[in-house]
């Protein structure tokens, strides 16, 4: 396995370890002991996988491949959710913020004009 794949797999294992840690914390706050224990096992598994991946001459096992596949699905889903949020933000800038700021620049001559139009455009009413 080349170093690029190994580093990618290390990053995936670390990401899954962090996600499991967050689930552990969430379950702890919700007093869900079984959920917390399950997440702890997952966290420990991914932590151990990350350590194995860092060893010189690591050989991929079928069990590790299965863990990495689960990790890949989770990471992919998280990336897709991030992309969706970014697209929403971009749309908001393009269709709301930028046109309103352009109106202020193009239509206002005085401080009072800016104050009135900005109050109109950026109020919650």
PDB file of N, CA and C in Angstrom:
ATOM      1  N   UNK A   1       0.846  -1.171   0.000  1.00  0.00           N
ATOM      2  CA  UNK A   1       0.000   0.000   0.000  1.00  0.00           C
ATOM      3  C   UNK A   1       0.893   1.235   0.000  1.00  0.00           C
ATOM      4  N   UNK A   2       0.538   2.223  -0.829  1.00  0.00           N
ATOM      5  CA  UNK A   2       1.371   3.412  -0.845  1.00  0.00           C
ATOM      6  C   UNK A   2       0.996   4.354   0.300  1.00  0.00           C
ATOM      7  N   UNK A   3       1.886   5.301   0.562  1.00  0.00           N
ATOM      8  CA  UNK A   3       1.749   6.185   1.722  1.00  0.00           C
ATOM      9  C   UNK A   3       0.509   7.071   1.632  1.00  0.00           C
ATOM     10  N   UNK A   4       0.089   7.412   0.421  1.00  0.00           N
ATOM     11  CA  UNK A   4      -1.105   8.248   0.264  1.00  0.00           C
ATOM     12  C   UNK A   4      -2.335   7.522   0.792  1.00  0.00           C
ATOM     13  N   UNK A   5      -2.489   6.256   0.430  1.00  0.00           N
ATOM     14  CA  UNK A   5      -3.625   5.478   0.935  1.00  0.00           C
ATOM     15  C   UNK A   5      -3.525   5.269   2.436  1.00  0.00           C
ATOM     16  N   UNK A   6      -2.336   4.966   2.898  1.00  0.00           N
ATOM     17  CA  UNK A   6      -2.162   4.755   4.339  1.00  0.00           C
ATOM     18  C   UNK A   6      -2.558   6.012   5.100  1.00  0.00           C
ATOM     19  N   UNK A   7      -2.105   7.177   4.640  1.00  0.00           N
ATOM     20  CA  UNK A   7      -2.456   8.430   5.323  1.00  0.00           C
ATOM     21  C   UNK A   7      -3.952   8.696   5.240  1.00  0.00           C
ATOM     22  N   UNK A   8      -4.553   8.415   4.097  1.00  0.00           N
ATOM     23  CA  UNK A   8      -6.008   8.575   3.961  1.00  0.00           C
ATOM     24  C   UNK A   8      -6.729   7.679   4.950  1.00  0.00           C
ATOM     25  N   UNK A   9      -6.289   6.436   5.062  1.00  0.00           N
ATOM     26  CA  UNK A   9      -6.916   5.505   5.997  1.00  0.00           C
ATOM     27  C   UNK A   9      -6.703   5.941   7.446  1.00  0.00           C
ATOM     28  N   UNK A  10      -5.520   6.464   7.744  1.00  0.00           N
ATOM     29  CA  UNK A  10      -5.267   6.985   9.096  1.00  0.00           C
ATOM     30  C   UNK A  10      -6.225   8.136   9.392  1.00  0.00           C
ATOM     31  N   UNK A  11      -6.392   9.024   8.428  1.00  0.00           N
ATOM     32  CA  UNK A  11      -7.302  10.165   8.603  1.00  0.00           C
ATOM     33  C   UNK A  11      -8.747   9.693   8.777  1.00  0.00           C
ATOM     34  N   UNK A  12      -9.138   8.689   8.014  1.00  0.00           N
ATOM     35  CA  UNK A  12     -10.496   8.150   8.138  1.00  0.00           C
ATOM     36  C   UNK A  12     -10.708   7.531   9.517  1.00  0.00           C
ATOM     37  N   UNK A  13      -9.723   6.763   9.974  1.00  0.00           N
ATOM     38  CA  UNK A  13      -9.831   6.134  11.291  1.00  0.00           C
ATOM     39  C   UNK A  13      -9.923   7.203  12.373  1.00  0.00           C
ATOM     40  N   UNK A  14      -9.130   8.234  12.240  1.00  0.00           N
ATOM     41  CA  UNK A  14      -9.155   9.328  13.235  1.00  0.00           C
ATOM     42  C   UNK A  14     -10.497  10.043  13.215  1.00  0.00           C
ATOM     43  N   UNK A  15     -11.022  10.297  12.043  1.00  0.00           N
ATOM     44  CA  UNK A  15     -12.329  10.948  11.925  1.00  0.00           C
ATOM     45  C   UNK A  15     -13.420  10.101  12.569  1.00  0.00           C
ATOM     46  N   UNK A  16     -13.374   8.802  12.331  1.00  0.00           N
ATOM     47  CA  UNK A  16     -14.365   7.901  12.927  1.00  0.00           C
ATOM     48  C   UNK A  16     -14.185   7.811  14.434  1.00  0.00           C
ATOM     49  N   UNK A  17     -12.958   7.844  14.882  1.00  0.00           N
ATOM     50  CA  UNK A  17     -12.680   7.845  16.320  1.00  0.00           C
ATOM     51  C   UNK A  17     -13.295   9.087  16.973  1.00  0.00           C
ATOM     52  N   UNK A  18     -13.103  10.236  16.337  1.00  0.00           N
ATOM     53  CA  UNK A  18     -13.655  11.489  16.869  1.00  0.00           C
ATOM     54  C   UNK A  18     -15.178  11.457  16.846  1.00  0.00           C
ATOM     55  N   UNK A  19     -15.755  10.952  15.764  1.00  0.00           N
ATOM     56  CA  UNK A  19     -17.219  10.857  15.689  1.00  0.00           C
ATOM     57  C   UNK A  19     -17.770   9.960  16.792  1.00  0.00           C
ATOM     58  N   UNK A  20     -17.119   8.841  17.016  1.00  0.00           N
ATOM     59  CA  UNK A  20     -17.564   7.927  18.070  1.00  0.00           C
ATOM     60  C   UNK A  20     -17.442   8.594  19.438  1.00  0.00           C
ATOM     61  N   UNK A  21     -16.391   9.373  19.625  1.00  0.00           N
ATOM     62  CA  UNK A  21     -16.211  10.112  20.883  1.00  0.00           C
ATOM     63  C   UNK A  21     -17.366  11.088  21.103  1.00  0.00           C
ATOM     64  N   UNK A  22     -17.771  11.752  20.034  1.00  0.00           N
ATOM     65  CA  UNK A  22     -18.910  12.689  20.139  1.00  0.00           C
ATOM     66  C   UNK A  22     -20.195  11.945  20.481  1.00  0.00           C
ATOM     67  N   UNK A  23     -20.380  10.782  19.879  1.00  0.00           N
ATOM     68  CA  UNK A  23     -21.565   9.972  20.189  1.00  0.00           C
ATOM     69  C   UNK A  23     -21.513   9.515  21.646  1.00  0.00           C
ATOM     70  N   UNK A  24     -20.331   9.147  22.103  1.00  0.00           N
ATOM     71  CA  UNK A  24     -20.168   8.782  23.515  1.00  0.00           C
ATOM     72  C   UNK A  24     -20.613   9.925  24.422  1.00  0.00           C
ATOM     73  N   UNK A  25     -20.143  11.127  24.138  1.00  0.00           N
ATOM     74  CA  UNK A  25     -20.501  12.293  24.941  1.00  0.00           C
ATOM     75  C   UNK A  25     -22.005  12.548  24.903  1.00  0.00           C
ATOM     76  N   UNK A  26     -22.582  12.449  23.716  1.00  0.00           N
ATOM     77  CA  UNK A  26     -24.024  12.659  23.566  1.00  0.00           C
ATOM     78  C   UNK A  26     -24.803  11.637  24.389  1.00  0.00           C
ATOM     79  N   UNK A  27     -24.422  10.373  24.258  1.00  0.00           N
ATOM     80  CA  UNK A  27     -25.110   9.320  25.003  1.00  0.00           C
ATOM     81  C   UNK A  27     -24.908   9.472  26.510  1.00  0.00           C
ATOM     82  N   UNK A  28     -23.749   9.946  26.906  1.00  0.00           N
ATOM     83  CA  UNK A  28     -23.493  10.190  28.327  1.00  0.00           C
ATOM     84  C   UNK A  28     -24.442  11.268  28.848  1.00  0.00           C
ATOM     85  N   UNK A  29     -24.590  12.339  28.077  1.00  0.00           N
ATOM     86  CA  UNK A  29     -25.494  13.428  28.479  1.00  0.00           C
ATOM     87  C   UNK A  29     -26.946  12.954  28.540  1.00  0.00           C
ATOM     88  N   UNK A  30     -27.302  12.021  27.695  1.00  0.00           N
ATOM     89  CA  UNK A  30     -28.671  11.491  27.654  1.00  0.00           C
ATOM     90  C   UNK A  30     -28.863  10.316  28.605  1.00  0.00           C
ATOM     91  N   UNK A  31     -27.811   9.995  29.362  1.00  0.00           N
ATOM     92  CA  UNK A  31     -27.843   8.889  30.330  1.00  0.00           C
ATOM     93  C   UNK A  31     -28.163   7.555  29.654  1.00  0.00           C
ATOM     94  N   UNK A  32     -27.663   7.396  28.431  1.00  0.00           N
ATOM     95  CA  UNK A  32     -27.832   6.148  27.680  1.00  0.00           C
ATOM     96  C   UNK A  32     -26.550   5.342  27.828  1.00  0.00           C
ATOM     97  N   UNK A  33     -26.493   4.519  28.872  1.00  0.00           N
ATOM     98  CA  UNK A  33     -25.269   3.777  29.174  1.00  0.00           C
ATOM     99  C   UNK A  33     -24.902   2.795  28.073  1.00  0.00           C
ATOM    100  N   UNK A  34     -25.895   2.081  27.538  1.00  0.00           N
ATOM    101  CA  UNK A  34     -25.614   1.105  26.487  1.00  0.00           C
ATOM    102  C   UNK A  34     -25.076   1.794  25.236  1.00  0.00           C
ATOM    103  N   UNK A  35     -25.703   2.915  24.852  1.00  0.00           N
ATOM    104  CA  UNK A  35     -25.229   3.672  23.697  1.00  0.00           C
ATOM    105  C   UNK A  35     -23.825   4.203  23.909  1.00  0.00           C
ATOM    106  N   UNK A  36     -23.564   4.655  25.139  1.00  0.00           N
ATOM    107  CA  UNK A  36     -22.238   5.168  25.461  1.00  0.00           C
ATOM    108  C   UNK A  36     -21.190   4.059  25.365  1.00  0.00           C
ATOM    109  N   UNK A  37     -21.522   2.870  25.880  1.00  0.00           N
ATOM    110  CA  UNK A  37     -20.579   1.748  25.821  1.00  0.00           C
ATOM    111  C   UNK A  37     -20.329   1.312  24.379  1.00  0.00           C
ATOM    112  N   UNK A  38     -21.381   1.276  23.584  1.00  0.00           N
ATOM    113  CA  UNK A  38     -21.236   0.893  22.178  1.00  0.00           C
ATOM    114  C   UNK A  38     -20.330   1.882  21.445  1.00  0.00           C
ATOM    115  N   UNK A  39     -20.562   3.168  21.685  1.00  0.00           N
ATOM    116  CA  UNK A  39     -19.734   4.194  21.047  1.00  0.00           C
ATOM    117  C   UNK A  39     -18.292   4.123  21.540  1.00  0.00           C
ATOM    118  N   UNK A  40     -18.113   3.767  22.809  1.00  0.00           N
ATOM    119  CA  UNK A  40     -16.756   3.640  23.349  1.00  0.00           C
ATOM    120  C   UNK A  40     -16.005   2.506  22.661  1.00  0.00           C
ATOM    121  N   UNK A  41     -16.695   1.388  22.429  1.00  0.00           N
ATOM    122  CA  UNK A  41     -16.074   0.265  21.715  1.00  0.00           C
ATOM    123  C   UNK A  41     -15.667   0.712  20.310  1.00  0.00           C
ATOM    124  N   UNK A  42     -16.556   1.429  19.639  1.00  0.00           N
ATOM    125  CA  UNK A  42     -16.240   1.916  18.296  1.00  0.00           C
ATOM    126  C   UNK A  42     -15.047   2.866  18.329  1.00  0.00           C
ATOM    127  N   UNK A  43     -15.051   3.775  19.290  1.00  0.00           N
ATOM    128  CA  UNK A  43     -13.939   4.719  19.408  1.00  0.00           C
ATOM    129  C   UNK A  43     -12.625   3.968  19.600  1.00  0.00           C
ATOM    130  N   UNK A  44     -12.631   2.999  20.513  1.00  0.00           N
ATOM    131  CA  UNK A  44     -11.416   2.237  20.788  1.00  0.00           C
ATOM    132  C   UNK A  44     -10.975   1.427  19.576  1.00  0.00           C
ATOM    133  N   UNK A  45     -11.937   0.852  18.846  1.00  0.00           N
ATOM    134  CA  UNK A  45     -11.608   0.088  17.632  1.00  0.00           C
ATOM    135  C   UNK A  45     -10.927   0.975  16.592  1.00  0.00           C
ATOM    136  N   UNK A  46     -11.479   2.178  16.375  1.00  0.00           N
ATOM    137  CA  UNK A  46     -10.894   3.066  15.371  1.00  0.00           C
ATOM    138  C   UNK A  46      -9.564   3.643  15.837  1.00  0.00           C
ATOM    139  N   UNK A  47      -9.425   3.864  17.137  1.00  0.00           N
ATOM    140  CA  UNK A  47      -8.150   4.325  17.674  1.00  0.00           C
ATOM    141  C   UNK A  47      -7.075   3.259  17.440  1.00  0.00           C
ATOM    142  N   UNK A  48      -7.423   2.006  17.736  1.00  0.00           N
ATOM    143  CA  UNK A  48      -6.480   0.903  17.536  1.00  0.00           C
ATOM    144  C   UNK A  48      -6.160   0.726  16.050  1.00  0.00           C
ATOM    145  N   UNK A  49      -7.169   0.868  15.200  1.00  0.00           N
ATOM    146  CA  UNK A  49      -6.944   0.757  13.759  1.00  0.00           C
ATOM    147  C   UNK A  49      -5.973   1.841  13.294  1.00  0.00           C
ATOM    148  N   UNK A  50      -6.155   3.054  13.766  1.00  0.00           N
ATOM    149  CA  UNK A  50      -5.239   4.137  13.405  1.00  0.00           C
ATOM    150  C   UNK A  50      -3.813   3.831  13.821  1.00  0.00           C
ATOM    151  N   UNK A  51      -3.652   3.258  15.001  1.00  0.00           N
ATOM    152  CA  UNK A  51      -2.311   2.896  15.465  1.00  0.00           C
ATOM    153  C   UNK A  51      -1.708   1.788  14.613  1.00  0.00           C
ATOM    154  N   UNK A  52      -2.518   0.794  14.249  1.00  0.00           N
ATOM    155  CA  UNK A  52      -2.006  -0.286  13.384  1.00  0.00           C
ATOM    156  C   UNK A  52      -1.568   0.268  12.027  1.00  0.00           C
ATOM    157  N   UNK A  53      -2.374   1.191  11.507  1.00  0.00           N
ATOM    158  CA  UNK A  53      -2.053   1.769  10.198  1.00  0.00           C
ATOM    159  C   UNK A  53      -0.722   2.521  10.216  1.00  0.00           C
ATOM    160  N   UNK A  54      -0.340   3.042  11.356  1.00  0.00           N
ATOM    161  CA  UNK A  54       0.913   3.804  11.474  1.00  0.00           C
ATOM    162  C   UNK A  54       2.139   2.906  11.560  1.00  0.00           C
ATOM    163  N   UNK A  55       1.932   1.615  11.771  1.00  0.00           N
ATOM    164  CA  UNK A  55       3.063   0.694  11.900  1.00  0.00           C
ATOM    165  C   UNK A  55       3.718   0.467  10.541  1.00  0.00           C
ATOM    166  N   UNK A  56       5.023   0.347  10.582  1.00  0.00           N
ATOM    167  CA  UNK A  56       5.788   0.076   9.373  1.00  0.00           C
ATOM    168  C   UNK A  56       5.354  -1.282   8.795  1.00  0.00           C
ATOM    169  N   UNK A  57       5.175  -1.332   7.505  1.00  0.00           N
ATOM    170  CA  UNK A  57       4.802  -2.576   6.820  1.00  0.00           C
ATOM    171  C   UNK A  57       3.435  -3.104   7.240  1.00  0.00           C
ATOM    172  N   UNK A  58       2.504  -2.196   7.505  1.00  0.00           N
ATOM    173  CA  UNK A  58       1.136  -2.607   7.838  1.00  0.00           C
ATOM    174  C   UNK A  58       0.544  -3.409   6.677  1.00  0.00           C
ATOM    175  N   UNK A  59      -0.147  -4.493   7.017  1.00  0.00           N
ATOM    176  CA  UNK A  59      -0.849  -5.321   6.028  1.00  0.00           C
ATOM    177  C   UNK A  59      -2.345  -5.214   6.322  1.00  0.00           C
ATOM    178  N   UNK A  60      -3.107  -4.796   5.334  1.00  0.00           N
ATOM    179  CA  UNK A  60      -4.557  -4.655   5.486  1.00  0.00           C
ATOM    180  C   UNK A  60      -5.197  -6.023   5.700  1.00  0.00           C
ATOM    181  N   UNK A  61      -6.088  -6.107   6.685  1.00  0.00           N
ATOM    182  CA  UNK A  61      -6.850  -7.329   6.926  1.00  0.00           C
ATOM    183  C   UNK A  61      -8.282  -7.104   6.466  1.00  0.00           C
ATOM    184  N   UNK A  62      -9.011  -8.176   6.308  1.00  0.00           N
ATOM    185  CA  UNK A  62     -10.411  -8.088   5.898  1.00  0.00           C
ATOM    186  C   UNK A  62     -11.220  -7.336   6.963  1.00  0.00           C
ATOM    187  N   UNK A  63     -10.940  -7.583   8.233  1.00  0.00           N
ATOM    188  CA  UNK A  63     -11.640  -6.912   9.326  1.00  0.00           C
ATOM    189  C   UNK A  63     -11.368  -5.404   9.294  1.00  0.00           C
ATOM    190  N   UNK A  64     -10.105  -5.028   9.078  1.00  0.00           N
ATOM    191  CA  UNK A  64      -9.767  -3.608   8.994  1.00  0.00           C
ATOM    192  C   UNK A  64     -10.400  -2.971   7.757  1.00  0.00           C
ATOM    193  N   UNK A  65     -10.439  -3.706   6.658  1.00  0.00           N
ATOM    194  CA  UNK A  65     -11.073  -3.189   5.442  1.00  0.00           C
ATOM    195  C   UNK A  65     -12.552  -2.903   5.702  1.00  0.00           C
ATOM    196  N   UNK A  66     -13.208  -3.783   6.455  1.00  0.00           N
ATOM    197  CA  UNK A  66     -14.624  -3.579   6.779  1.00  0.00           C
ATOM    198  C   UNK A  66     -14.800  -2.324   7.628  1.00  0.00           C
ATOM    199  N   UNK A  67     -13.922  -2.118   8.604  1.00  0.00           N
ATOM    200  CA  UNK A  67     -13.990  -0.913   9.443  1.00  0.00           C
ATOM    201  C   UNK A  67     -13.738   0.339   8.605  1.00  0.00           C
ATOM    202  N   UNK A  68     -12.788   0.258   7.700  1.00  0.00           N
ATOM    203  CA  UNK A  68     -12.503   1.404   6.843  1.00  0.00           C
ATOM    204  C   UNK A  68     -13.656   1.694   5.890  1.00  0.00           C
ATOM    205  N   UNK A  69     -14.333   0.659   5.431  1.00  0.00           N
ATOM    206  CA  UNK A  69     -15.492   0.863   4.561  1.00  0.00           C
ATOM    207  C   UNK A  69     -16.596   1.597   5.315  1.00  0.00           C
ATOM    208  N   UNK A  70     -16.877   1.181   6.538  1.00  0.00           N
ATOM    209  CA  UNK A  70     -17.876   1.884   7.358  1.00  0.00           C
ATOM    210  C   UNK A  70     -17.447   3.334   7.544  1.00  0.00           C
ATOM    211  N   UNK A  71     -16.175   3.525   7.844  1.00  0.00           N
ATOM    212  CA  UNK A  71     -15.650   4.871   8.025  1.00  0.00           C
ATOM    213  C   UNK A  71     -15.826   5.697   6.753  1.00  0.00           C
ATOM    214  N   UNK A  72     -15.553   5.103   5.610  1.00  0.00           N
ATOM    215  CA  UNK A  72     -15.697   5.809   4.334  1.00  0.00           C
ATOM    216  C   UNK A  72     -17.140   6.248   4.110  1.00  0.00           C
ATOM    217  N   UNK A  73     -18.091   5.385   4.426  1.00  0.00           N
ATOM    218  CA  UNK A  73     -19.504   5.760   4.295  1.00  0.00           C
ATOM    219  C   UNK A  73     -19.839   6.941   5.203  1.00  0.00           C
ATOM    220  N   UNK A  74     -19.370   6.904   6.423  1.00  0.00           N
ATOM    221  CA  UNK A  74     -19.659   7.973   7.382  1.00  0.00           C
ATOM    222  C   UNK A  74     -19.008   9.280   6.941  1.00  0.00           C
ATOM    223  N   UNK A  75     -17.737   9.216   6.564  1.00  0.00           N
ATOM    224  CA  UNK A  75     -17.032  10.421   6.131  1.00  0.00           C
ATOM    225  C   UNK A  75     -17.692  10.996   4.878  1.00  0.00           C
ATOM    226  N   UNK A  76     -18.053  10.142   3.944  1.00  0.00           N
ATOM    227  CA  UNK A  76     -18.724  10.605   2.715  1.00  0.00           C
ATOM    228  C   UNK A  76     -20.022  11.315   3.059  1.00  0.00           C
ATOM    229  N   UNK A  77     -20.805  10.739   3.962  1.00  0.00           N
ATOM    230  CA  UNK A  77     -22.069  11.348   4.372  1.00  0.00           C
ATOM    231  C   UNK A  77     -21.832  12.712   5.019  1.00  0.00           C
ATOM    232  N   UNK A  78     -20.822  12.799   5.867  1.00  0.00           N
ATOM    233  CA  UNK A  78     -20.501  14.071   6.516  1.00  0.00           C
ATOM    234  C   UNK A  78     -20.075  15.118   5.480  1.00  0.00           C
ATOM    235  N   UNK A  79     -19.287  14.701   4.502  1.00  0.00           N
ATOM    236  CA  UNK A  79     -18.865  15.628   3.450  1.00  0.00           C
ATOM    237  C   UNK A  79     -20.056  16.107   2.630  1.00  0.00           C
ATOM    238  N   UNK A  80     -20.965  15.187   2.306  1.00  0.00           N
ATOM    239  CA  UNK A  80     -22.162  15.575   1.552  1.00  0.00           C
ATOM    240  C   UNK A  80     -23.010  16.568   2.346  1.00  0.00           C
ATOM    241  N   UNK A  81     -23.129  16.359   3.649  1.00  0.00           N
ATOM    242  CA  UNK A  81     -23.884  17.293   4.496  1.00  0.00           C
ATOM    243  C   UNK A  81     -23.192  18.649   4.538  1.00  0.00           C
ATOM    244  N   UNK A  82     -21.870  18.651   4.624  1.00  0.00           N
ATOM    245  CA  UNK A  82     -21.127  19.920   4.606  1.00  0.00           C
ATOM    246  C   UNK A  82     -21.317  20.649   3.286  1.00  0.00           C
ATOM    247  N   UNK A  83     -21.264  19.910   2.184  1.00  0.00           N
ATOM    248  CA  UNK A  83     -21.472  20.510   0.863  1.00  0.00           C
ATOM    249  C   UNK A  83     -22.867  21.117   0.774  1.00  0.00           C
ATOM    250  N   UNK A  84     -23.871  20.418   1.283  1.00  0.00           N
ATOM    251  CA  UNK A  84     -25.246  20.938   1.249  1.00  0.00           C
ATOM    252  C   UNK A  84     -25.344  22.237   2.040  1.00  0.00           C
ATOM    253  N   UNK A  85     -24.718  22.277   3.224  1.00  0.00           N
ATOM    254  CA  UNK A  85     -24.743  23.511   4.027  1.00  0.00           C
ATOM    255  C   UNK A  85     -24.020  24.647   3.313  1.00  0.00           C
ATOM    256  N   UNK A  86     -22.906  24.335   2.675  1.00  0.00           N
ATOM    257  CA  UNK A  86     -22.154  25.360   1.946  1.00  0.00           C
ATOM    258  C   UNK A  86     -22.976  25.882   0.774  1.00  0.00           C
ATOM    259  N   UNK A  87     -23.653  24.992   0.060  1.00  0.00           N
ATOM    260  CA  UNK A  87     -24.495  25.424  -1.068  1.00  0.00           C
ATOM    261  C   UNK A  87     -25.617  26.339  -0.597  1.00  0.00           C
ATOM    262  N   UNK A  88     -26.210  26.032   0.553  1.00  0.00           N
ATOM    263  CA  UNK A  88     -27.256  26.893   1.114  1.00  0.00           C
ATOM    264  C   UNK A  88     -26.682  28.266   1.440  1.00  0.00           C
ATOM    265  N   UNK A  89     -25.492  28.290   2.024  1.00  0.00           N
ATOM    266  CA  UNK A  89     -24.854  29.567   2.363  1.00  0.00           C
ATOM    267  C   UNK A  89     -24.555  30.372   1.102  1.00  0.00           C
ATOM    268  N   UNK A  90     -24.034  29.728   0.083  1.00  0.00           N
ATOM    269  CA  UNK A  90     -23.722  30.418  -1.175  1.00  0.00           C
ATOM    270  C   UNK A  90     -24.990  31.000  -1.779  1.00  0.00           C
ATOM    271  N   UNK A  91     -26.040  30.220  -1.802  1.00  0.00           N
ATOM    272  CA  UNK A  91     -27.317  30.699  -2.333  1.00  0.00           C
ATOM    273  C   UNK A  91     -27.805  31.905  -1.542  1.00  0.00           C
ATOM    274  N   UNK A  92     -27.677  31.858  -0.227  1.00  0.00           N
ATOM    275  CA  UNK A  92     -28.086  32.983   0.607  1.00  0.00           C
ATOM    276  C   UNK A  92     -27.303  34.246   0.285  1.00  0.00           C
ATOM    277  N   UNK A  93     -26.019  34.116   0.097  1.00  0.00           N
ATOM    278  CA  UNK A  93     -25.215  35.275  -0.279  1.00  0.00           C
ATOM    279  C   UNK A  93     -25.656  35.819  -1.640  1.00  0.00           C
ATOM    280  N   UNK A  94     -25.851  34.904  -2.609  1.00  0.00           N
ATOM    281  CA  UNK A  94     -26.178  35.333  -3.964  1.00  0.00           C
ATOM    282  C   UNK A  94     -27.572  35.930  -4.079  1.00  0.00           C
ATOM    283  N   UNK A  95     -28.529  35.375  -3.370  1.00  0.00           N
ATOM    284  CA  UNK A  95     -29.914  35.794  -3.565  1.00  0.00           C
ATOM    285  C   UNK A  95     -30.423  36.766  -2.512  1.00  0.00           C
ATOM    286  N   UNK A  96     -29.700  36.926  -1.405  1.00  0.00           N
ATOM    287  CA  UNK A  96     -30.173  37.796  -0.335  1.00  0.00           C
ATOM    288  C   UNK A  96     -29.160  38.890  -0.009  1.00  0.00           C
ATOM    289  N   UNK A  97     -28.030  38.523   0.535  1.00  0.00           N
ATOM    290  CA  UNK A  97     -27.071  39.501   1.052  1.00  0.00           C
ATOM    291  C   UNK A  97     -26.500  40.401  -0.056  1.00  0.00           C
ATOM    292  N   UNK A  98     -25.975  39.802  -1.098  1.00  0.00           N
ATOM    293  CA  UNK A  98     -25.319  40.586  -2.145  1.00  0.00           C
ATOM    294  C   UNK A  98     -26.283  41.538  -2.863  1.00  0.00           C
ATOM    295  N   UNK A  99     -27.473  41.087  -3.260  1.00  0.00           N
ATOM    296  CA  UNK A  99     -28.402  42.026  -3.907  1.00  0.00           C
ATOM    297  C   UNK A  99     -28.795  43.197  -2.998  1.00  0.00           C
ATOM    298  N   UNK A 100     -28.975  42.927  -1.714  1.00  0.00           N
ATOM    299  CA  UNK A 100     -29.350  43.998  -0.791  1.00  0.00           C
ATOM    300  C   UNK A 100     -28.212  45.001  -0.619  1.00  0.00           C
ATOM    301  N   UNK A 101     -26.992  44.505  -0.475  1.00  0.00           N
ATOM    302  CA  UNK A 101     -25.858  45.416  -0.355  1.00  0.00           C
ATOM    303  C   UNK A 101     -25.658  46.214  -1.638  1.00  0.00           C
ATOM    304  N   UNK A 102     -25.881  45.575  -2.791  1.00  0.00           N
ATOM    305  CA  UNK A 102     -25.801  46.289  -4.072  1.00  0.00           C
ATOM    306  C   UNK A 102     -26.835  47.400  -4.148  1.00  0.00           C
ATOM    307  N   UNK A 103     -28.041  47.118  -3.678  1.00  0.00           N
ATOM    308  CA  UNK A 103     -29.081  48.155  -3.671  1.00  0.00           C
ATOM    309  C   UNK A 103     -28.638  49.346  -2.847  1.00  0.00           C
ATOM    310  N   UNK A 104     -28.074  49.088  -1.680  1.00  0.00           N
ATOM    311  CA  UNK A 104     -27.619  50.184  -0.829  1.00  0.00           C
ATOM    312  C   UNK A 104     -26.554  51.010  -1.547  1.00  0.00           C
ATOM    313  N   UNK A 105     -25.600  50.336  -2.164  1.00  0.00           N
ATOM    314  CA  UNK A 105     -24.524  51.041  -2.873  1.00  0.00           C
ATOM    315  C   UNK A 105     -25.081  51.842  -4.041  1.00  0.00           C
ATOM    316  N   UNK A 106     -26.012  51.257  -4.795  1.00  0.00           N
ATOM    317  CA  UNK A 106     -26.508  51.890  -6.016  1.00  0.00           C
ATOM    318  C   UNK A 106     -27.600  52.924  -5.777  1.00  0.00           C
ATOM    319  N   UNK A 107     -28.368  52.789  -4.702  1.00  0.00           N
ATOM    320  CA  UNK A 107     -29.529  53.656  -4.507  1.00  0.00           C
ATOM    321  C   UNK A 107     -29.345  54.742  -3.465  1.00  0.00           C
ATOM    322  N   UNK A 108     -28.362  54.629  -2.620  1.00  0.00           N
ATOM    323  CA  UNK A 108     -28.252  55.566  -1.500  1.00  0.00           C
ATOM    324  C   UNK A 108     -27.209  56.640  -1.776  1.00  0.00           C
ATOM    325  N   UNK A 109     -27.567  57.854  -1.406  1.00  0.00           N
ATOM    326  CA  UNK A 109     -26.665  58.986  -1.571  1.00  0.00           C
ATOM    327  C   UNK A 109     -26.174  59.526  -0.234  1.00  0.00           C
ATOM    328  N   UNK A 110     -26.996  59.403   0.786  1.00  0.00           N
ATOM    329  CA  UNK A 110     -26.648  59.998   2.080  1.00  0.00           C
ATOM    330  C   UNK A 110     -26.633  58.924   3.157  1.00  0.00           C
ATOM    331  N   UNK A 111     -26.065  59.318   4.277  1.00  0.00           N
ATOM    332  CA  UNK A 111     -26.068  58.430   5.449  1.00  0.00           C
ATOM    333  C   UNK A 111     -27.502  58.058   5.828  1.00  0.00           C
ATOM    334  N   UNK A 112     -28.380  59.008   5.781  1.00  0.00           N
ATOM    335  CA  UNK A 112     -29.793  58.758   6.136  1.00  0.00           C
ATOM    336  C   UNK A 112     -30.429  57.777   5.158  1.00  0.00           C
ATOM    337  N   UNK A 113     -30.117  57.888   3.868  1.00  0.00           N
ATOM    338  CA  UNK A 113     -30.636  56.931   2.879  1.00  0.00           C
ATOM    339  C   UNK A 113     -30.159  55.515   3.207  1.00  0.00           C
ATOM    340  N   UNK A 114     -28.872  55.393   3.537  1.00  0.00           N
ATOM    341  CA  UNK A 114     -28.293  54.094   3.875  1.00  0.00           C
ATOM    342  C   UNK A 114     -28.978  53.529   5.112  1.00  0.00           C
ATOM    343  N   UNK A 115     -29.154  54.378   6.120  1.00  0.00           N
ATOM    344  CA  UNK A 115     -29.786  53.929   7.368  1.00  0.00           C
ATOM    345  C   UNK A 115     -31.200  53.426   7.110  1.00  0.00           C
ATOM    346  N   UNK A 116     -31.974  54.173   6.365  1.00  0.00           N
ATOM    347  CA  UNK A 116     -33.369  53.792   6.110  1.00  0.00           C
ATOM    348  C   UNK A 116     -33.453  52.506   5.278  1.00  0.00           C
ATOM    349  N   UNK A 117     -32.698  52.453   4.193  1.00  0.00           N
ATOM    350  CA  UNK A 117     -32.781  51.272   3.327  1.00  0.00           C
ATOM    351  C   UNK A 117     -32.221  50.043   4.023  1.00  0.00           C
ATOM    352  N   UNK A 118     -31.139  50.197   4.750  1.00  0.00           N
ATOM    353  CA  UNK A 118     -30.593  49.027   5.449  1.00  0.00           C
ATOM    354  C   UNK A 118     -31.551  48.539   6.519  1.00  0.00           C
ATOM    355  N   UNK A 119     -32.238  49.460   7.185  1.00  0.00           N
ATOM    356  CA  UNK A 119     -33.250  49.049   8.174  1.00  0.00           C
ATOM    357  C   UNK A 119     -34.380  48.284   7.490  1.00  0.00           C
ATOM    358  N   UNK A 120     -34.771  48.759   6.338  1.00  0.00           N
ATOM    359  CA  UNK A 120     -35.834  48.108   5.573  1.00  0.00           C
ATOM    360  C   UNK A 120     -35.389  46.725   5.073  1.00  0.00           C
ATOM    361  N   UNK A 121     -34.190  46.653   4.529  1.00  0.00           N
ATOM    362  CA  UNK A 121     -33.726  45.411   3.911  1.00  0.00           C
ATOM    363  C   UNK A 121     -33.292  44.359   4.919  1.00  0.00           C
ATOM    364  N   UNK A 122     -32.741  44.793   6.036  1.00  0.00           N
ATOM    365  CA  UNK A 122     -32.156  43.843   6.977  1.00  0.00           C
ATOM    366  C   UNK A 122     -32.943  43.702   8.277  1.00  0.00           C
ATOM    367  N   UNK A 123     -34.190  44.084   8.255  1.00  0.00           N
ATOM    368  CA  UNK A 123     -35.013  43.870   9.451  1.00  0.00           C
ATOM    369  C   UNK A 123     -35.705  42.524   9.353  1.00  0.00           C
ATOM    370  N   UNK A 124     -36.173  42.043  10.471  1.00  0.00           N
ATOM    371  CA  UNK A 124     -36.835  40.722  10.512  1.00  0.00           C
ATOM    372  C   UNK A 124     -38.301  40.795  10.154  1.00  0.00           C
ATOM    373  N   UNK A 125     -38.790  41.949   9.807  1.00  0.00           N
ATOM    374  CA  UNK A 125     -40.218  42.110   9.504  1.00  0.00           C
ATOM    375  C   UNK A 125     -40.583  41.544   8.170  1.00  0.00           C
TER     376      UNK A 125
END
